[in-house]
Amino acid sequence: MKLIYCLECGDVVALRAARRSCLCGQSSGYYTTWIDAVVTGPCTPLGFDNRSFTKALKKPNGKAPLGMEFTAFVIPDNCPTLEHR
């Protein structure tokens, strides 16, 4: 899963097939295929590891005071599945 973090307003937006923008409107992005995406503006692209995210959603979190952890990361500039315009 790809998201953007806007460096201007601090909003985090999950990408979809249709273009989505942050609260201030300066950063936006969208998927062009099921894995490839385009982002624009002053933003940092983020990724969720889909497997660990799905696993965290399925585990009961009643015993974990902070909830279940999953892997998230900053997507590097040279990522072949992301174009930053």
PDB file of N, CA and C in Angstrom:
ATOM      1  N   MET A   1       0.852  -1.164   0.000  1.00  0.00           N
ATOM      2  CA  MET A   1       0.000   0.000   0.000  1.00  0.00           C
ATOM      3  C   MET A   1       0.900   1.230   0.000  1.00  0.00           C
ATOM      4  N   LYS A   2       0.579   2.181  -0.869  1.00  0.00           N
ATOM      5  CA  LYS A   2       1.342   3.424  -0.948  1.00  0.00           C
ATOM      6  C   LYS A   2       0.521   4.584  -0.385  1.00  0.00           C
ATOM      7  N   LEU A   3       1.208   5.472   0.310  1.00  0.00           N
ATOM      8  CA  LEU A   3       0.602   6.658   0.888  1.00  0.00           C
ATOM      9  C   LEU A   3       1.534   7.823   0.637  1.00  0.00           C
ATOM     10  N   ILE A   4       1.041   9.048   0.828  1.00  0.00           N
ATOM     11  CA  ILE A   4       1.917  10.219   0.789  1.00  0.00           C
ATOM     12  C   ILE A   4       1.759  10.995   2.090  1.00  0.00           C
ATOM     13  N   TYR A   5       2.872  11.558   2.534  1.00  0.00           N
ATOM     14  CA  TYR A   5       2.892  12.449   3.686  1.00  0.00           C
ATOM     15  C   TYR A   5       3.222  13.838   3.156  1.00  0.00           C
ATOM     16  N   CYS A   6       2.297  14.779   3.274  1.00  0.00           N
ATOM     17  CA  CYS A   6       2.520  16.133   2.769  1.00  0.00           C
ATOM     18  C   CYS A   6       3.446  16.885   3.714  1.00  0.00           C
ATOM     19  N   LEU A   7       4.517  17.427   3.175  1.00  0.00           N
ATOM     20  CA  LEU A   7       5.493  18.170   3.975  1.00  0.00           C
ATOM     21  C   LEU A   7       4.990  19.557   4.355  1.00  0.00           C
ATOM     22  N   GLU A   8       3.919  20.017   3.721  1.00  0.00           N
ATOM     23  CA  GLU A   8       3.357  21.336   4.027  1.00  0.00           C
ATOM     24  C   GLU A   8       2.320  21.275   5.147  1.00  0.00           C
ATOM     25  N   CYS A   9       1.353  20.364   5.038  1.00  0.00           N
ATOM     26  CA  CYS A   9       0.259  20.340   6.018  1.00  0.00           C
ATOM     27  C   CYS A   9       0.315  19.153   6.982  1.00  0.00           C
ATOM     28  N   GLY A  10       1.173  18.157   6.703  1.00  0.00           N
ATOM     29  CA  GLY A  10       1.300  17.009   7.587  1.00  0.00           C
ATOM     30  C   GLY A  10       0.229  15.947   7.412  1.00  0.00           C
ATOM     31  N   ASP A  11      -0.618  16.092   6.406  1.00  0.00           N
ATOM     32  CA  ASP A  11      -1.667  15.112   6.150  1.00  0.00           C
ATOM     33  C   ASP A  11      -1.059  13.851   5.530  1.00  0.00           C
ATOM     34  N   VAL A  12      -1.634  12.702   5.846  1.00  0.00           N
ATOM     35  CA  VAL A  12      -1.246  11.432   5.242  1.00  0.00           C
ATOM     36  C   VAL A  12      -2.440  10.932   4.436  1.00  0.00           C
ATOM     37  N   VAL A  13      -2.188  10.584   3.163  1.00  0.00           N
ATOM     38  CA  VAL A  13      -3.257  10.184   2.253  1.00  0.00           C
ATOM     39  C   VAL A  13      -2.894   8.858   1.597  1.00  0.00           C
ATOM     40  N   ALA A  14      -3.793   7.889   1.674  1.00  0.00           N
ATOM     41  CA  ALA A  14      -3.608   6.622   0.973  1.00  0.00           C
ATOM     42  C   ALA A  14      -3.949   6.828  -0.501  1.00  0.00           C
ATOM     43  N   LEU A  15      -3.131   6.267  -1.378  1.00  0.00           N
ATOM     44  CA  LEU A  15      -3.372   6.412  -2.811  1.00  0.00           C
ATOM     45  C   LEU A  15      -4.446   5.438  -3.281  1.00  0.00           C
ATOM     46  N   ARG A  16      -5.158   5.843  -4.303  1.00  0.00           N
ATOM     47  CA  ARG A  16      -6.203   5.044  -4.950  1.00  0.00           C
ATOM     48  C   ARG A  16      -6.045   5.215  -6.463  1.00  0.00           C
ATOM     49  N   ALA A  17      -6.948   4.626  -7.253  1.00  0.00           N
ATOM     50  CA  ALA A  17      -6.891   4.768  -8.712  1.00  0.00           C
ATOM     51  C   ALA A  17      -7.200   6.195  -9.139  1.00  0.00           C
ATOM     52  N   ALA A  18      -8.075   6.866  -8.417  1.00  0.00           N
ATOM     53  CA  ALA A  18      -8.388   8.268  -8.701  1.00  0.00           C
ATOM     54  C   ALA A  18      -7.440   9.156  -7.896  1.00  0.00           C
ATOM     55  N   ARG A  19      -7.058  10.272  -8.475  1.00  0.00           N
ATOM     56  CA  ARG A  19      -6.156  11.202  -7.796  1.00  0.00           C
ATOM     57  C   ARG A  19      -6.746  11.648  -6.465  1.00  0.00           C
ATOM     58  N   ARG A  20      -5.910  11.634  -5.431  1.00  0.00           N
ATOM     59  CA  ARG A  20      -6.316  12.103  -4.105  1.00  0.00           C
ATOM     60  C   ARG A  20      -5.302  13.131  -3.639  1.00  0.00           C
ATOM     61  N   SER A  21      -5.777  14.148  -2.950  1.00  0.00           N
ATOM     62  CA  SER A  21      -4.922  15.235  -2.477  1.00  0.00           C
ATOM     63  C   SER A  21      -4.951  15.317  -0.961  1.00  0.00           C
ATOM     64  N   CYS A  22      -3.923  15.952  -0.412  1.00  0.00           N
ATOM     65  CA  CYS A  22      -3.856  16.219   1.019  1.00  0.00           C
ATOM     66  C   CYS A  22      -4.803  17.372   1.359  1.00  0.00           C
ATOM     67  N   LEU A  23      -4.883  17.703   2.638  1.00  0.00           N
ATOM     68  CA  LEU A  23      -5.790  18.763   3.079  1.00  0.00           C
ATOM     69  C   LEU A  23      -5.487  20.121   2.457  1.00  0.00           C
ATOM     70  N   CYS A  24      -4.200  20.461   2.298  1.00  0.00           N
ATOM     71  CA  CYS A  24      -3.859  21.775   1.734  1.00  0.00           C
ATOM     72  C   CYS A  24      -3.869  21.772   0.204  1.00  0.00           C
ATOM     73  N   GLY A  25      -3.941  20.585  -0.415  1.00  0.00           N
ATOM     74  CA  GLY A  25      -4.021  20.484  -1.865  1.00  0.00           C
ATOM     75  C   GLY A  25      -2.695  20.570  -2.609  1.00  0.00           C
ATOM     76  N   GLN A  26      -1.583  20.701  -1.900  1.00  0.00           N
ATOM     77  CA  GLN A  26      -0.289  20.838  -2.577  1.00  0.00           C
ATOM     78  C   GLN A  26       0.324  19.505  -2.991  1.00  0.00           C
ATOM     79  N   SER A  27      -0.049  18.415  -2.332  1.00  0.00           N
ATOM     80  CA  SER A  27       0.485  17.088  -2.646  1.00  0.00           C
ATOM     81  C   SER A  27      -0.656  16.178  -3.070  1.00  0.00           C
ATOM     82  N   SER A  28      -0.386  15.328  -4.056  1.00  0.00           N
ATOM     83  CA  SER A  28      -1.421  14.400  -4.512  1.00  0.00           C
ATOM     84  C   SER A  28      -0.778  13.176  -5.128  1.00  0.00           C
ATOM     85  N   GLY A  29      -1.588  12.179  -5.410  1.00  0.00           N
ATOM     86  CA  GLY A  29      -1.076  10.976  -6.042  1.00  0.00           C
ATOM     87  C   GLY A  29      -2.193  10.037  -6.424  1.00  0.00           C
ATOM     88  N   TYR A  30      -1.828   9.028  -7.231  1.00  0.00           N
ATOM     89  CA  TYR A  30      -2.791   8.030  -7.684  1.00  0.00           C
ATOM     90  C   TYR A  30      -2.050   6.828  -8.241  1.00  0.00           C
ATOM     91  N   TYR A  31      -2.724   5.687  -8.261  1.00  0.00           N
ATOM     92  CA  TYR A  31      -2.180   4.478  -8.883  1.00  0.00           C
ATOM     93  C   TYR A  31      -2.454   4.519 -10.380  1.00  0.00           C
ATOM     94  N   THR A  32      -1.467   4.098 -11.172  1.00  0.00           N
ATOM     95  CA  THR A  32      -1.653   3.956 -12.617  1.00  0.00           C
ATOM     96  C   THR A  32      -1.895   2.492 -12.998  1.00  0.00           C
ATOM     97  N   THR A  33      -1.417   1.573 -12.165  1.00  0.00           N
ATOM     98  CA  THR A  33      -1.693   0.131 -12.269  1.00  0.00           C
ATOM     99  C   THR A  33      -1.918  -0.348 -10.844  1.00  0.00           C
ATOM    100  N   TRP A  34      -2.038  -1.655 -10.652  1.00  0.00           N
ATOM    101  CA  TRP A  34      -2.261  -2.174  -9.294  1.00  0.00           C
ATOM    102  C   TRP A  34      -1.059  -1.953  -8.385  1.00  0.00           C
ATOM    103  N   ILE A  35       0.129  -1.636  -8.966  1.00  0.00           N
ATOM    104  CA  ILE A  35       1.336  -1.437  -8.149  1.00  0.00           C
ATOM    105  C   ILE A  35       2.052  -0.116  -8.452  1.00  0.00           C
ATOM    106  N   ASP A  36       1.925   0.416  -9.668  1.00  0.00           N
ATOM    107  CA  ASP A  36       2.623   1.641 -10.063  1.00  0.00           C
ATOM    108  C   ASP A  36       1.811   2.869  -9.676  1.00  0.00           C
ATOM    109  N   ALA A  37       2.517   3.923  -9.251  1.00  0.00           N
ATOM    110  CA  ALA A  37       1.832   5.136  -8.822  1.00  0.00           C
ATOM    111  C   ALA A  37       2.618   6.378  -9.223  1.00  0.00           C
ATOM    112  N   VAL A  38       1.910   7.502  -9.253  1.00  0.00           N
ATOM    113  CA  VAL A  38       2.481   8.820  -9.525  1.00  0.00           C
ATOM    114  C   VAL A  38       2.124   9.717  -8.350  1.00  0.00           C
ATOM    115  N   VAL A  39       3.108  10.489  -7.858  1.00  0.00           N
ATOM    116  CA  VAL A  39       2.839  11.469  -6.808  1.00  0.00           C
ATOM    117  C   VAL A  39       3.389  12.820  -7.254  1.00  0.00           C
ATOM    118  N   THR A  40       2.787  13.886  -6.755  1.00  0.00           N
ATOM    119  CA  THR A  40       3.238  15.234  -7.083  1.00  0.00           C
ATOM    120  C   THR A  40       3.240  16.088  -5.822  1.00  0.00           C
ATOM    121  N   GLY A  41       4.035  17.129  -5.864  1.00  0.00           N
ATOM    122  CA  GLY A  41       4.057  18.093  -4.774  1.00  0.00           C
ATOM    123  C   GLY A  41       5.098  17.793  -3.714  1.00  0.00           C
ATOM    124  N   PRO A  42       5.091  18.617  -2.670  1.00  0.00           N
ATOM    125  CA  PRO A  42       6.077  18.480  -1.595  1.00  0.00           C
ATOM    126  C   PRO A  42       5.671  17.360  -0.626  1.00  0.00           C
ATOM    127  N   CYS A  43       5.900  16.131  -1.047  1.00  0.00           N
ATOM    128  CA  CYS A  43       5.472  15.008  -0.216  1.00  0.00           C
ATOM    129  C   CYS A  43       6.552  13.938  -0.128  1.00  0.00           C
ATOM    130  N   THR A  44       6.429  13.122   0.892  1.00  0.00           N
ATOM    131  CA  THR A  44       7.272  11.951   1.070  1.00  0.00           C
ATOM    132  C   THR A  44       6.381  10.732   0.879  1.00  0.00           C
ATOM    133  N   PRO A  45       6.722   9.863  -0.083  1.00  0.00           N
ATOM    134  CA  PRO A  45       5.915   8.663  -0.274  1.00  0.00           C
ATOM    135  C   PRO A  45       6.238   7.620   0.795  1.00  0.00           C
ATOM    136  N   LEU A  46       5.190   6.977   1.288  1.00  0.00           N
ATOM    137  CA  LEU A  46       5.317   5.956   2.325  1.00  0.00           C
ATOM    138  C   LEU A  46       4.753   4.647   1.801  1.00  0.00           C
ATOM    139  N   GLY A  47       5.221   3.549   2.372  1.00  0.00           N
ATOM    140  CA  GLY A  47       4.698   2.243   2.013  1.00  0.00           C
ATOM    141  C   GLY A  47       4.386   1.425   3.236  1.00  0.00           C
ATOM    142  N   PHE A  48       3.340   0.623   3.148  1.00  0.00           N
ATOM    143  CA  PHE A  48       3.018  -0.383   4.154  1.00  0.00           C
ATOM    144  C   PHE A  48       3.366  -1.724   3.537  1.00  0.00           C
ATOM    145  N   ASP A  49       4.054  -2.575   4.276  1.00  0.00           N
ATOM    146  CA  ASP A  49       4.244  -3.943   3.836  1.00  0.00           C
ATOM    147  C   ASP A  49       2.881  -4.632   3.932  1.00  0.00           C
ATOM    148  N   ASN A  50       2.314  -4.996   2.792  1.00  0.00           N
ATOM    149  CA  ASN A  50       0.948  -5.516   2.761  1.00  0.00           C
ATOM    150  C   ASN A  50       0.761  -6.757   3.631  1.00  0.00           C
ATOM    151  N   ARG A  51       1.754  -7.660   3.612  1.00  0.00           N
ATOM    152  CA  ARG A  51       1.618  -8.896   4.393  1.00  0.00           C
ATOM    153  C   ARG A  51       1.586  -8.613   5.889  1.00  0.00           C
ATOM    154  N   SER A  52       2.521  -7.790   6.369  1.00  0.00           N
ATOM    155  CA  SER A  52       2.550  -7.530   7.806  1.00  0.00           C
ATOM    156  C   SER A  52       1.354  -6.683   8.239  1.00  0.00           C
ATOM    157  N   PHE A  53       0.873  -5.786   7.366  1.00  0.00           N
ATOM    158  CA  PHE A  53      -0.302  -4.976   7.680  1.00  0.00           C
ATOM    159  C   PHE A  53      -1.544  -5.861   7.804  1.00  0.00           C
ATOM    160  N   THR A  54      -1.733  -6.766   6.843  1.00  0.00           N
ATOM    161  CA  THR A  54      -2.869  -7.688   6.874  1.00  0.00           C
ATOM    162  C   THR A  54      -2.810  -8.587   8.104  1.00  0.00           C
ATOM    163  N   LYS A  55      -1.609  -9.057   8.428  1.00  0.00           N
ATOM    164  CA  LYS A  55      -1.427  -9.908   9.608  1.00  0.00           C
ATOM    165  C   LYS A  55      -1.790  -9.143  10.886  1.00  0.00           C
ATOM    166  N   ALA A  56      -1.375  -7.888  10.978  1.00  0.00           N
ATOM    167  CA  ALA A  56      -1.685  -7.075  12.156  1.00  0.00           C
ATOM    168  C   ALA A  56      -3.189  -6.833  12.282  1.00  0.00           C
ATOM    169  N   LEU A  57      -3.872  -6.678  11.158  1.00  0.00           N
ATOM    170  CA  LEU A  57      -5.323  -6.473  11.193  1.00  0.00           C
ATOM    171  C   LEU A  57      -6.073  -7.709  11.685  1.00  0.00           C
ATOM    172  N   LYS A  58      -5.526  -8.885  11.402  1.00  0.00           N
ATOM    173  CA  LYS A  58      -6.205 -10.137  11.750  1.00  0.00           C
ATOM    174  C   LYS A  58      -5.965 -10.579  13.191  1.00  0.00           C
ATOM    175  N   LYS A  59      -4.878 -10.109  13.817  1.00  0.00           N
ATOM    176  CA  LYS A  59      -4.564 -10.541  15.184  1.00  0.00           C
ATOM    177  C   LYS A  59      -5.396  -9.761  16.193  1.00  0.00           C
ATOM    178  N   PRO A  60      -5.877 -10.443  17.213  1.00  0.00           N
ATOM    179  CA  PRO A  60      -6.572  -9.703  18.269  1.00  0.00           C
ATOM    180  C   PRO A  60      -5.573  -8.829  19.018  1.00  0.00           C
ATOM    181  N   ASN A  61      -5.936  -7.591  19.269  1.00  0.00           N
ATOM    182  CA  ASN A  61      -4.995  -6.676  19.910  1.00  0.00           C
ATOM    183  C   ASN A  61      -5.357  -6.354  21.359  1.00  0.00           C
ATOM    184  N   GLY A  62      -6.202  -7.144  21.964  1.00  0.00           N
ATOM    185  CA  GLY A  62      -6.603  -6.897  23.339  1.00  0.00           C
ATOM    186  C   GLY A  62      -5.460  -6.972  24.339  1.00  0.00           C
ATOM    187  N   LYS A  63      -4.435  -7.771  24.069  1.00  0.00           N
ATOM    188  CA  LYS A  63      -3.313  -7.924  24.993  1.00  0.00           C
ATOM    189  C   LYS A  63      -2.162  -6.983  24.674  1.00  0.00           C
ATOM    190  N   ALA A  64      -2.210  -6.316  23.539  1.00  0.00           N
ATOM    191  CA  ALA A  64      -1.132  -5.398  23.142  1.00  0.00           C
ATOM    192  C   ALA A  64      -1.583  -3.968  23.423  1.00  0.00           C
ATOM    193  N   PRO A  65      -1.001  -3.295  24.431  1.00  0.00           N
ATOM    194  CA  PRO A  65      -1.484  -1.961  24.806  1.00  0.00           C
ATOM    195  C   PRO A  65      -1.355  -0.914  23.697  1.00  0.00           C
ATOM    196  N   LEU A  66      -0.407  -1.089  22.804  1.00  0.00           N
ATOM    197  CA  LEU A  66      -0.230  -0.133  21.713  1.00  0.00           C
ATOM    198  C   LEU A  66      -0.747  -0.665  20.388  1.00  0.00           C
ATOM    199  N   GLY A  67      -1.435  -1.788  20.415  1.00  0.00           N
ATOM    200  CA  GLY A  67      -1.926  -2.381  19.179  1.00  0.00           C
ATOM    201  C   GLY A  67      -0.868  -3.254  18.532  1.00  0.00           C
ATOM    202  N   MET A  68      -1.197  -3.832  17.409  1.00  0.00           N
ATOM    203  CA  MET A  68      -0.276  -4.726  16.707  1.00  0.00           C
ATOM    204  C   MET A  68       0.616  -3.919  15.764  1.00  0.00           C
ATOM    205  N   GLU A  69       1.896  -4.227  15.778  1.00  0.00           N
ATOM    206  CA  GLU A  69       2.846  -3.544  14.900  1.00  0.00           C
ATOM    207  C   GLU A  69       2.837  -4.164  13.511  1.00  0.00           C
ATOM    208  N   PHE A  70       3.195  -3.345  12.520  1.00  0.00           N
ATOM    209  CA  PHE A  70       3.394  -3.820  11.155  1.00  0.00           C
ATOM    210  C   PHE A  70       4.513  -2.993  10.549  1.00  0.00           C
ATOM    211  N   THR A  71       4.998  -3.412   9.397  1.00  0.00           N
ATOM    212  CA  THR A  71       6.129  -2.748   8.765  1.00  0.00           C
ATOM    213  C   THR A  71       5.667  -1.632   7.834  1.00  0.00           C
ATOM    214  N   ALA A  72       6.197  -0.447   8.075  1.00  0.00           N
ATOM    215  CA  ALA A  72       5.975   0.714   7.198  1.00  0.00           C
ATOM    216  C   ALA A  72       7.347   1.294   6.880  1.00  0.00           C
ATOM    217  N   PHE A  73       7.457   1.998   5.739  1.00  0.00           N
ATOM    218  CA  PHE A  73       8.760   2.507   5.322  1.00  0.00           C
ATOM    219  C   PHE A  73       8.592   3.723   4.419  1.00  0.00           C
ATOM    220  N   VAL A  74       9.663   4.520   4.330  1.00  0.00           N
ATOM    221  CA  VAL A  74       9.723   5.624   3.374  1.00  0.00           C
ATOM    222  C   VAL A  74      10.169   5.022   2.053  1.00  0.00           C
ATOM    223  N   ILE A  75       9.422   5.282   0.993  1.00  0.00           N
ATOM    224  CA  ILE A  75       9.760   4.752  -0.328  1.00  0.00           C
ATOM    225  C   ILE A  75      10.926   5.556  -0.887  1.00  0.00           C
ATOM    226  N   PRO A  76      12.001   4.884  -1.324  1.00  0.00           N
ATOM    227  CA  PRO A  76      13.178   5.589  -1.819  1.00  0.00           C
ATOM    228  C   PRO A  76      12.944   6.281  -3.166  1.00  0.00           C
ATOM    229  N   ASP A  77      13.788   7.256  -3.468  1.00  0.00           N
ATOM    230  CA  ASP A  77      13.675   8.015  -4.722  1.00  0.00           C
ATOM    231  C   ASP A  77      13.790   7.131  -5.953  1.00  0.00           C
ATOM    232  N   ASN A  78      14.565   6.061  -5.888  1.00  0.00           N
ATOM    233  CA  ASN A  78      14.807   5.239  -7.070  1.00  0.00           C
ATOM    234  C   ASN A  78      13.860   4.047  -7.164  1.00  0.00           C
ATOM    235  N   CYS A  79      12.679   4.151  -6.597  1.00  0.00           N
ATOM    236  CA  CYS A  79      11.704   3.061  -6.626  1.00  0.00           C
ATOM    237  C   CYS A  79      11.106   2.942  -8.039  1.00  0.00           C
ATOM    238  N   PRO A  80      11.194   1.757  -8.674  1.00  0.00           N
ATOM    239  CA  PRO A  80      10.687   1.609 -10.041  1.00  0.00           C
ATOM    240  C   PRO A  80       9.170   1.662 -10.156  1.00  0.00           C
ATOM    241  N   THR A  81       8.438   1.533  -9.056  1.00  0.00           N
ATOM    242  CA  THR A  81       6.969   1.542  -9.117  1.00  0.00           C
ATOM    243  C   THR A  81       6.371   2.878  -8.697  1.00  0.00           C
ATOM    244  N   LEU A  82       7.229   3.903  -8.546  1.00  0.00           N
ATOM    245  CA  LEU A  82       6.723   5.208  -8.126  1.00  0.00           C
ATOM    246  C   LEU A  82       7.411   6.324  -8.907  1.00  0.00           C
ATOM    247  N   GLU A  83       6.600   7.184  -9.506  1.00  0.00           N
ATOM    248  CA  GLU A  83       7.121   8.357 -10.213  1.00  0.00           C
ATOM    249  C   GLU A  83       6.755   9.605  -9.418  1.00  0.00           C
ATOM    250  N   HIS A  84       7.752  10.398  -9.080  1.00  0.00           N
ATOM    251  CA  HIS A  84       7.502  11.645  -8.340  1.00  0.00           C
ATOM    252  C   HIS A  84       7.669  12.808  -9.329  1.00  0.00           C
ATOM    253  N   ARG A  85       6.557  13.412  -9.715  1.00  0.00           N
ATOM    254  CA  ARG A  85       6.571  14.513 -10.709  1.00  0.00           C
ATOM    255  C   ARG A  85       6.636  15.843 -10.029  1.00  0.00           C
TER     256      ARG A  85
END
